[in-house]
Amino acid sequence: MKAIVIHSAGDLRVEDREKPEPGPGEVRVRIAAGGICGSDLHYYHDGGFGAIKVVEPMILGHEVSGVIDALGEGVAGRTAGEPVAVNPNGNCGVCAMCQSGRGSLCEDVFFFGSAMRRPHVDGAFANFVTVPAARAVPVGADIAVSEAALSEPLAVCLHAVARAGDISGKRVLVTGCGPIGALTIAAARHAGAAEIIATDVLAPPLEGGLAMGADTVLNVAADPAALAPYEQGKGKIDVAFEASGHPAAISGLFTTVRPGGIVVQIGIGGSAEIAITPLVAKEIDYRGAFRFFEEFAIAADLISRRAIDVRPVITGTVAIEDAEAGFKLASDRNQALKVLVAIAPDLM
């Protein structure tokens, strides 16, 4: 089978790998499509991020969907040809975090396409992958199976919205309109936000933010004072979702959030200066949001019913043979939100 393998920064190859066989309790999934994520791009451009570096060849990819191809021993109630979204998150289920219902913080997680472990955990940008049957989550037949590849990033955004609590009727700010920001907008709209303002430094991502449900989009590069109306008084924003990871976006949030408001940090970057005085004086809750747990199945269901339509986020598709061109396209925020790799075009 073919697989997209990272060897080091800038060294991305399409290689032949052995077709896996499902073990007891597992299914083999024929992958239809995979979405190129920001972490995949970090491996491609930098060989990793922070202290996490690729030291051996690793298959990339964790946003994938396809159809069940074969059943392992003991698997019941599943059928070959069933369309599924593949949950890349393998929680241990026994650590304190998993037992307390906070599986996103699992102390012994196995995540597709991650160099955190030695040996690395291969990802799913390949013709076939095997997973425990429960992690092959059924999706509806009324959508293109490729849409279900966005179940993973949507699950991240649903988890972020859940971290904010009840946002129905609230005024929401989303900073950064990349794929995660755009899907956070959709998740916030689904959760009942009354008004959504989105910011970015480029026009094309802002167009995506509008398509996913933002009421107002602001280009803070073209107009650095664009958020000034929301800073009046002691702040007009009830809940802010920071999806860029950019220090400038983070440092400016706390003047826009009202007293008692909430900031949820989704974007990951380097260090950033935080305006301590408004954070303390307005008793703002600053919360992190990392990956997801039960939200994956919810995301797959929402996409299946088009309760959240992810199609506007998908702005490009490349063949697996053209993987490097796809990674370069996905790196250009002026051209792309989410780029899919067509691994089995006949299934998409």
Protein backbone atom coordinates (compact mmCIF):
# COMPACT_ATOMS: atom_id res chain seq x y z
CA MET A 1 0.00 0.00 0.00
CA LYS A 2 1.01 3.65 -0.37
CA ALA A 3 1.67 5.90 2.62
CA ILE A 4 2.82 9.50 3.15
CA VAL A 5 5.95 9.37 5.31
CA ILE A 6 7.95 12.15 6.93
CA HIS A 7 11.68 11.49 7.39
CA SER A 8 12.86 14.92 8.51
CA ALA A 9 12.09 18.57 7.91
CA GLY A 10 11.30 19.02 4.22
CA ASP A 11 11.73 15.31 3.47
CA LEU A 12 8.25 13.99 2.68
CA ARG A 13 7.91 10.79 0.67
CA VAL A 14 5.17 8.55 -0.70
CA GLU A 15 6.36 5.04 0.09
CA ASP A 16 5.24 1.44 -0.11
CA ARG A 17 4.26 -0.10 3.22
CA GLU A 18 2.85 -3.49 4.13
CA LYS A 19 -0.94 -3.72 4.19
CA PRO A 20 -2.01 -4.23 7.83
CA GLU A 21 -4.21 -7.06 9.03
CA PRO A 22 -6.87 -6.42 11.68
CA GLY A 23 -6.30 -8.09 15.02
CA PRO A 24 -8.96 -9.30 17.46
CA GLY A 25 -11.51 -6.57 18.07
CA GLU A 26 -10.16 -4.44 15.24
CA VAL A 27 -11.37 -3.39 11.81
CA ARG A 28 -9.31 -2.47 8.79
CA VAL A 29 -10.39 0.75 7.15
CA ARG A 30 -9.74 1.61 3.53
CA ILE A 31 -8.96 5.32 3.76
CA ALA A 32 -10.80 7.58 1.34
CA ALA A 33 -9.39 10.98 2.29
CA GLY A 34 -7.30 12.75 4.89
CA GLY A 35 -7.11 16.38 5.93
CA ILE A 36 -3.71 18.04 6.28
CA CYS A 37 -3.51 19.48 9.80
CA GLY A 38 -1.33 22.19 11.27
CA SER A 39 0.66 19.56 13.18
CA ASP A 40 1.34 17.71 9.92
CA LEU A 41 2.68 20.97 8.51
CA HIS A 42 4.95 21.43 11.54
CA TYR A 43 6.45 18.00 10.91
CA TYR A 44 6.88 18.86 7.23
CA HIS A 45 8.44 22.30 7.69
CA ASP A 46 10.27 21.92 11.00
CA GLY A 47 10.61 18.19 11.64
CA GLY A 48 8.32 18.59 14.66
CA PHE A 49 7.45 21.28 17.17
CA GLY A 50 9.09 22.25 20.41
CA ALA A 51 10.91 19.29 21.91
CA ILE A 52 8.92 16.82 19.81
CA LYS A 53 11.04 15.89 16.79
CA VAL A 54 10.92 13.16 14.17
CA VAL A 55 13.86 10.80 14.70
CA GLU A 56 12.62 7.94 12.50
CA PRO A 57 10.34 7.69 9.44
CA MET A 58 6.69 8.18 10.42
CA ILE A 59 3.42 8.03 8.50
CA LEU A 60 1.61 11.35 8.92
CA GLY A 61 -2.10 12.09 9.16
CA HIS A 62 -4.85 11.88 11.75
CA GLU A 63 -7.89 13.48 10.08
CA VAL A 64 -9.20 10.58 7.99
CA SER A 65 -12.32 8.79 6.85
CA GLY A 66 -13.08 5.79 4.67
CA VAL A 67 -14.96 2.50 4.64
CA ILE A 68 -14.53 -0.66 6.67
CA ASP A 69 -12.58 -3.14 4.57
CA ALA A 70 -12.17 -6.18 6.85
CA LEU A 71 -13.22 -7.34 10.32
CA GLY A 72 -10.93 -8.83 12.95
CA GLU A 73 -11.84 -11.76 15.13
CA GLY A 74 -14.69 -11.07 17.52
CA VAL A 75 -16.02 -7.96 15.80
CA ALA A 76 -19.80 -8.04 15.53
CA GLY A 77 -22.39 -5.62 14.22
CA ARG A 78 -20.08 -4.05 11.66
CA THR A 79 -20.02 -4.64 7.91
CA ALA A 80 -17.55 -4.30 5.09
CA GLY A 81 -18.25 -1.16 3.05
CA GLU A 82 -19.61 0.78 6.05
CA PRO A 83 -18.53 4.46 5.83
CA VAL A 84 -16.67 5.64 8.92
CA ALA A 85 -14.69 8.46 10.44
CA VAL A 86 -11.53 7.17 12.13
CA ASN A 87 -10.89 8.41 15.65
CA PRO A 88 -7.09 8.88 15.87
CA ASN A 89 -7.12 9.18 19.65
CA GLY A 90 -6.28 5.99 21.53
CA ASN A 91 -6.94 6.66 25.21
CA CYS A 92 -5.64 4.23 27.82
CA GLY A 93 -8.95 4.24 29.70
CA VAL A 94 -7.33 3.47 33.06
CA CYS A 95 -5.34 6.56 34.11
CA ALA A 96 -6.73 9.10 36.56
CA MET A 97 -7.70 11.51 33.79
CA CYS A 98 -9.56 8.89 31.76
CA GLN A 99 -11.30 7.59 34.86
CA SER A 100 -12.43 11.10 35.77
CA GLY A 101 -13.97 11.65 32.32
CA ARG A 102 -11.18 13.90 31.03
CA GLY A 103 -9.85 11.62 28.33
CA SER A 104 -8.39 14.54 26.37
CA LEU A 105 -5.75 14.66 29.14
CA CYS A 106 -4.99 10.91 29.05
CA GLU A 107 -1.60 10.22 30.62
CA ASP A 108 -0.79 7.38 28.20
CA VAL A 109 -2.43 8.40 24.93
CA PHE A 110 -1.57 6.91 21.54
CA PHE A 111 -2.34 9.49 18.85
CA PHE A 112 -1.97 8.88 15.12
CA GLY A 113 1.00 10.55 13.46
CA SER A 114 2.78 11.57 16.66
CA ALA A 115 6.52 11.60 17.36
CA MET A 116 6.01 11.89 21.12
CA ARG A 117 6.74 8.18 21.57
CA ARG A 118 9.66 5.96 20.63
CA PRO A 119 8.97 4.27 18.33
CA HIS A 120 6.71 6.90 16.83
CA VAL A 121 3.00 6.23 16.36
CA ASP A 122 2.28 6.04 12.65
CA GLY A 123 -0.57 8.09 11.24
CA ALA A 124 -3.28 7.25 8.74
CA PHE A 125 -2.26 8.89 5.45
CA ALA A 126 -2.19 5.43 3.89
CA ASN A 127 -4.42 3.18 1.83
CA PHE A 128 -5.35 1.11 4.88
CA VAL A 129 -5.25 1.44 8.66
CA THR A 130 -6.37 -0.85 11.47
CA VAL A 131 -8.11 0.44 14.61
CA PRO A 132 -10.25 -0.96 17.43
CA ALA A 133 -13.76 -1.27 16.04
CA ALA A 134 -15.11 1.40 18.42
CA ARG A 135 -12.76 3.97 16.88
CA ALA A 136 -14.28 3.44 13.42
CA VAL A 137 -17.28 5.70 13.97
CA PRO A 138 -20.18 5.23 11.51
CA VAL A 139 -21.20 8.19 9.35
CA GLY A 140 -24.29 8.71 7.27
CA ALA A 141 -24.61 7.61 3.68
CA ASP A 142 -26.11 10.96 2.65
CA ILE A 143 -22.78 12.80 2.69
CA ALA A 144 -19.55 12.31 0.80
CA VAL A 145 -17.35 10.12 3.00
CA SER A 146 -14.52 12.64 2.52
CA GLU A 147 -16.49 15.19 4.55
CA ALA A 148 -16.22 12.90 7.56
CA ALA A 149 -12.43 13.39 7.57
CA LEU A 150 -13.18 16.69 9.32
CA SER A 151 -14.67 14.89 12.31
CA GLU A 152 -11.35 15.17 14.15
CA PRO A 153 -10.85 18.95 13.82
CA LEU A 154 -14.54 19.56 14.47
CA ALA A 155 -14.25 17.45 17.63
CA VAL A 156 -11.40 19.73 18.78
CA CYS A 157 -13.70 22.72 18.33
CA LEU A 158 -16.68 21.09 20.03
CA HIS A 159 -14.42 20.34 23.00
CA ALA A 160 -13.28 23.97 23.09
CA VAL A 161 -16.88 25.19 23.08
CA ALA A 162 -17.73 22.71 25.83
CA ARG A 163 -14.86 24.12 27.91
CA ALA A 164 -16.65 27.49 27.81
CA GLY A 165 -19.88 26.11 29.27
CA ASP A 166 -23.27 27.35 28.09
CA ILE A 167 -22.72 29.99 25.41
CA SER A 168 -26.32 30.26 24.23
CA GLY A 169 -27.29 33.89 23.76
CA LYS A 170 -23.69 35.05 24.24
CA ARG A 171 -21.52 37.40 22.20
CA VAL A 172 -18.53 35.38 21.03
CA LEU A 173 -15.16 36.39 19.61
CA VAL A 174 -13.01 33.95 17.60
CA THR A 175 -9.44 35.04 16.87
CA GLY A 176 -7.87 33.25 13.91
CA CYS A 177 -9.94 31.90 11.01
CA GLY A 178 -7.84 28.94 9.97
CA PRO A 179 -9.54 25.54 9.90
CA ILE A 180 -9.86 25.37 13.69
CA GLY A 181 -11.12 28.93 13.95
CA ALA A 182 -13.64 28.42 11.14
CA LEU A 183 -14.94 25.18 12.68
CA THR A 184 -15.06 26.84 16.11
CA ILE A 185 -17.34 29.46 14.58
CA ALA A 186 -19.62 26.68 13.33
CA ALA A 187 -19.52 24.91 16.70
CA ALA A 188 -20.32 28.13 18.56
CA ARG A 189 -23.22 28.84 16.21
CA HIS A 190 -24.53 25.31 16.76
CA ALA A 191 -24.25 25.85 20.52
CA GLY A 192 -26.52 28.90 20.30
CA ALA A 193 -24.17 31.88 20.31
CA ALA A 194 -26.18 35.02 19.60
CA GLU A 195 -23.40 36.96 17.87
CA ILE A 196 -20.03 35.82 16.53
CA ILE A 197 -17.18 38.18 15.67
CA ALA A 198 -14.10 36.71 13.99
CA THR A 199 -10.67 38.19 13.36
CA ASP A 200 -7.71 37.33 11.18
CA VAL A 201 -4.86 39.09 9.40
CA LEU A 202 -5.77 37.83 5.91
CA ALA A 203 -8.90 38.26 3.80
CA PRO A 204 -9.34 34.66 2.49
CA PRO A 205 -9.62 33.05 5.95
CA LEU A 206 -12.12 35.73 6.94
CA GLU A 207 -14.25 34.73 3.98
CA GLY A 208 -14.18 31.20 5.36
CA GLY A 209 -15.26 32.53 8.73
CA LEU A 210 -18.28 34.17 7.15
CA ALA A 211 -19.14 30.97 5.30
CA MET A 212 -19.07 29.04 8.58
CA GLY A 213 -21.43 31.42 10.37
CA ALA A 214 -19.64 34.52 11.66
CA ASP A 215 -21.78 37.65 11.81
CA THR A 216 -18.85 40.07 11.60
CA VAL A 217 -15.29 39.53 10.38
CA LEU A 218 -12.46 41.96 11.08
CA ASN A 219 -9.09 42.19 9.38
CA VAL A 220 -6.88 43.30 12.26
CA ALA A 221 -3.85 43.70 9.99
CA ALA A 222 -5.64 46.17 7.73
CA ASP A 223 -7.27 47.89 10.73
CA PRO A 224 -5.38 47.34 14.00
CA ALA A 225 -8.14 49.20 15.89
CA ALA A 226 -10.92 47.02 14.50
CA LEU A 227 -11.71 45.53 17.93
CA ALA A 228 -11.88 48.93 19.66
CA PRO A 229 -15.72 49.00 19.78
CA TYR A 230 -15.64 45.74 21.76
CA GLU A 231 -13.17 47.20 24.27
CA GLN A 232 -15.53 50.00 25.33
CA GLY A 233 -16.59 50.13 28.94
CA LYS A 234 -14.96 47.12 30.52
CA GLY A 235 -15.30 44.91 27.45
CA LYS A 236 -18.21 43.67 25.36
CA ILE A 237 -17.27 40.04 24.65
CA ASP A 238 -18.82 37.28 26.76
CA VAL A 239 -16.65 34.41 25.50
CA ALA A 240 -13.49 34.51 23.38
CA PHE A 241 -11.96 31.53 21.59
CA GLU A 242 -8.31 32.11 20.69
CA ALA A 243 -7.56 29.87 17.70
CA SER A 244 -4.41 31.41 16.25
CA GLY A 245 -1.78 30.82 18.91
CA HIS A 246 -0.28 34.18 17.91
CA PRO A 247 1.16 36.25 20.78
CA ALA A 248 -0.43 39.48 19.51
CA ALA A 249 -3.89 37.92 19.40
CA ILE A 250 -3.50 36.45 22.88
CA SER A 251 -2.22 39.63 24.49
CA GLY A 252 -5.07 41.71 23.09
CA LEU A 253 -7.96 39.48 24.14
CA PHE A 254 -8.37 40.54 27.73
CA THR A 255 -9.35 44.12 26.98
CA THR A 256 -12.30 42.94 24.88
CA VAL A 257 -13.72 40.42 27.37
CA ARG A 258 -16.25 41.69 29.88
CA PRO A 259 -15.90 41.25 33.65
CA GLY A 260 -16.56 37.61 34.53
CA GLY A 261 -16.06 36.56 30.91
CA ILE A 262 -14.24 33.53 29.57
CA VAL A 263 -11.25 33.05 27.28
CA VAL A 264 -10.65 29.59 25.83
CA GLN A 265 -7.18 29.02 24.40
CA ILE A 266 -7.18 26.55 21.49
CA GLY A 267 -4.27 27.73 19.36
CA ILE A 268 -0.81 26.49 20.30
CA GLY A 269 2.28 28.60 19.76
CA GLY A 270 5.25 29.92 21.65
CA SER A 271 5.19 32.16 24.68
CA ALA A 272 2.99 35.25 24.80
CA GLU A 273 2.60 38.29 27.03
CA ILE A 274 -0.71 38.32 28.86
CA ALA A 275 -2.36 41.49 30.15
CA ILE A 276 -2.43 40.49 33.80
CA THR A 277 -4.33 43.54 35.11
CA PRO A 278 -7.59 43.01 33.16
CA LEU A 279 -7.31 39.24 33.66
CA VAL A 280 -7.26 39.74 37.43
CA ALA A 281 -9.34 42.89 37.83
CA LYS A 282 -12.18 41.55 35.66
CA GLU A 283 -11.91 38.00 37.06
CA ILE A 284 -11.68 36.55 33.58
CA ASP A 285 -11.53 32.76 33.35
CA TYR A 286 -8.64 31.71 31.08
CA ARG A 287 -9.05 28.07 30.05
CA GLY A 288 -7.07 25.73 27.85
CA ALA A 289 -8.72 23.28 25.46
CA PHE A 290 -6.76 20.26 24.19
CA ARG A 291 -7.94 17.71 21.65
CA PHE A 292 -11.24 15.95 22.51
CA PHE A 293 -12.79 12.87 24.09
CA GLU A 294 -16.47 12.00 23.66
CA GLU A 295 -16.81 14.86 21.16
CA PHE A 296 -15.47 12.77 18.25
CA ALA A 297 -18.65 10.72 17.91
CA ILE A 298 -20.72 13.90 18.27
CA ALA A 299 -18.72 15.55 15.49
CA ALA A 300 -19.18 12.58 13.17
CA ASP A 301 -22.93 12.65 13.81
CA LEU A 302 -23.22 16.41 13.22
CA ILE A 303 -21.34 16.11 9.93
CA SER A 304 -23.41 13.08 8.91
CA ARG A 305 -26.63 15.06 9.35
CA ARG A 306 -25.09 18.26 7.99
CA ALA A 307 -26.18 19.87 11.24
CA ILE A 308 -22.75 21.40 10.76
CA ASP A 309 -21.80 21.65 7.09
CA VAL A 310 -18.02 21.40 6.81
CA ARG A 311 -17.85 21.72 3.02
CA PRO A 312 -16.94 25.45 2.98
CA VAL A 313 -13.77 24.62 4.95
CA ILE A 314 -12.55 22.18 2.28
CA THR A 315 -10.76 24.39 -0.23
CA GLY A 316 -8.45 21.98 -2.04
CA THR A 317 -7.88 18.32 -2.86
CA VAL A 318 -4.74 16.60 -4.11
CA ALA A 319 -3.93 13.01 -5.05
CA ILE A 320 -1.75 10.99 -2.69
CA GLU A 321 0.96 10.96 -5.36
CA ASP A 322 1.01 14.78 -5.14
CA ALA A 323 1.23 14.87 -1.35
CA GLU A 324 4.07 17.38 -1.21
CA ALA A 325 2.18 19.79 -3.47
CA GLY A 326 -0.76 19.42 -1.10
CA PHE A 327 1.39 20.24 1.91
CA LYS A 328 2.69 23.34 0.16
CA LEU A 329 -0.84 24.40 -0.75
CA ALA A 330 -2.04 23.85 2.83
CA SER A 331 0.82 26.06 4.03
CA ASP A 332 -0.48 29.04 2.04
CA ARG A 333 -3.25 30.71 4.05
CA ASN A 334 -4.02 32.99 1.10
CA GLN A 335 -5.09 29.96 -0.91
CA ALA A 336 -6.34 27.27 1.41
CA LEU A 337 -8.25 26.50 4.59
CA LYS A 338 -8.37 22.69 4.64
CA VAL A 339 -6.63 20.62 1.97
CA LEU A 340 -7.65 16.99 1.57
CA VAL A 341 -5.43 14.22 0.28
CA ALA A 342 -7.49 11.95 -1.98
CA ILE A 343 -6.18 8.55 -0.95
CA ALA A 344 -8.97 6.55 -2.60
CA PRO A 345 -10.72 8.89 -5.06
CA ASP A 346 -13.29 6.24 -5.95
CA LEU A 347 -14.63 6.41 -2.37
CA MET A 348 -14.81 10.18 -2.06
